[in-house]
């Protein structure tokens, strides 16, 4: 089953890595409101581009900054 890898970093150190089934991202692209997809895109995470990369077999990588419980983190998303 195809998966999308998500990594969370704190101060450049990998804190957590997990994989999301590709069908979950495809479902998100269909069911999330356009405003949510646009908001994610403006932060650096392009859901339609992830779906297109998975379908075409091309690599995709994105990175965005988030604050979680007052801690700044970098989130990286990969399709390989």
Protein backbone atom coordinates (compact mmCIF):
# COMPACT_ATOMS: atom_id res chain seq x y z
CA UNK A 1 0.00 0.00 0.00
CA UNK A 2 1.46 3.40 -0.96
CA UNK A 3 2.31 5.67 1.95
CA UNK A 4 3.25 9.27 2.51
CA UNK A 5 5.99 9.88 5.07
CA UNK A 6 5.70 12.69 7.62
CA UNK A 7 8.63 13.79 9.79
CA UNK A 8 8.58 16.28 12.69
CA UNK A 9 11.76 18.07 13.74
CA UNK A 10 12.53 20.20 16.80
CA UNK A 11 15.66 22.35 16.54
CA UNK A 12 16.83 20.25 13.59
CA UNK A 13 16.49 16.93 15.43
CA UNK A 14 14.01 14.32 14.24
CA UNK A 15 11.32 13.99 16.91
CA UNK A 16 8.90 11.66 15.14
CA UNK A 17 8.44 9.91 11.81
CA UNK A 18 5.27 8.18 10.67
CA UNK A 19 3.58 7.11 7.47
CA UNK A 20 0.07 7.94 6.34
CA UNK A 21 -1.75 5.68 3.87
CA UNK A 22 -1.98 7.41 0.53
CA UNK A 23 -5.74 6.90 0.39
CA UNK A 24 -6.09 9.17 3.46
CA UNK A 25 -4.49 12.07 1.57
CA UNK A 26 -6.67 11.37 -1.48
CA UNK A 27 -9.75 11.40 0.78
CA UNK A 28 -8.59 14.65 2.39
CA UNK A 29 -8.28 16.23 -1.06
CA UNK A 30 -11.89 15.29 -1.77
CA UNK A 31 -13.49 16.06 1.58
CA UNK A 32 -11.61 19.00 3.07
CA UNK A 33 -13.17 22.39 2.38
CA UNK A 34 -11.39 24.43 -0.30
CA UNK A 35 -10.52 27.01 2.34
CA UNK A 36 -8.68 24.36 4.39
CA UNK A 37 -6.77 23.13 1.33
CA UNK A 38 -5.89 26.73 0.44
CA UNK A 39 -4.76 27.38 4.02
CA UNK A 40 -2.49 24.33 3.99
CA UNK A 41 -1.12 25.35 0.59
CA UNK A 42 -0.30 28.84 1.89
CA UNK A 43 1.67 27.21 4.74
CA UNK A 44 3.62 25.01 2.30
CA UNK A 45 1.57 21.81 2.13
CA UNK A 46 -0.11 21.32 -1.25
CA UNK A 47 -2.58 18.42 -0.89
CA UNK A 48 -3.53 18.26 -4.62
CA UNK A 49 0.18 18.20 -5.55
CA UNK A 50 0.77 15.31 -3.13
CA UNK A 51 -2.09 13.36 -4.72
CA UNK A 52 -0.81 14.13 -8.24
CA UNK A 53 2.76 13.07 -7.32
CA UNK A 54 1.55 9.80 -5.85
CA UNK A 55 -0.58 9.01 -8.89
CA UNK A 56 2.18 9.85 -11.38
CA UNK A 57 4.95 8.19 -9.39
CA UNK A 58 6.99 11.39 -9.13
CA UNK A 59 8.73 12.48 -5.92
CA UNK A 60 7.22 15.26 -3.81
CA UNK A 61 8.60 16.98 -0.73
CA UNK A 62 7.24 19.87 1.31
CA UNK A 63 8.16 21.54 4.55
CA UNK A 64 6.23 23.81 6.88
CA UNK A 65 6.74 25.42 10.28
CA UNK A 66 4.21 24.75 13.04
CA UNK A 67 3.93 25.53 16.73
CA UNK A 68 2.84 22.61 18.89
CA UNK A 69 2.33 23.16 22.62
CA UNK A 70 4.43 26.33 22.38
CA UNK A 71 7.31 24.54 20.63
CA UNK A 72 8.28 25.50 17.07
CA UNK A 73 8.61 22.47 14.85
CA UNK A 74 9.34 21.81 11.22
CA UNK A 75 7.15 19.25 9.48
CA UNK A 76 8.36 17.57 6.30
CA UNK A 77 6.15 15.52 3.99
CA UNK A 78 7.55 13.12 1.38
CA UNK A 79 6.16 11.05 -1.46
CA UNK A 80 8.87 8.76 -2.84
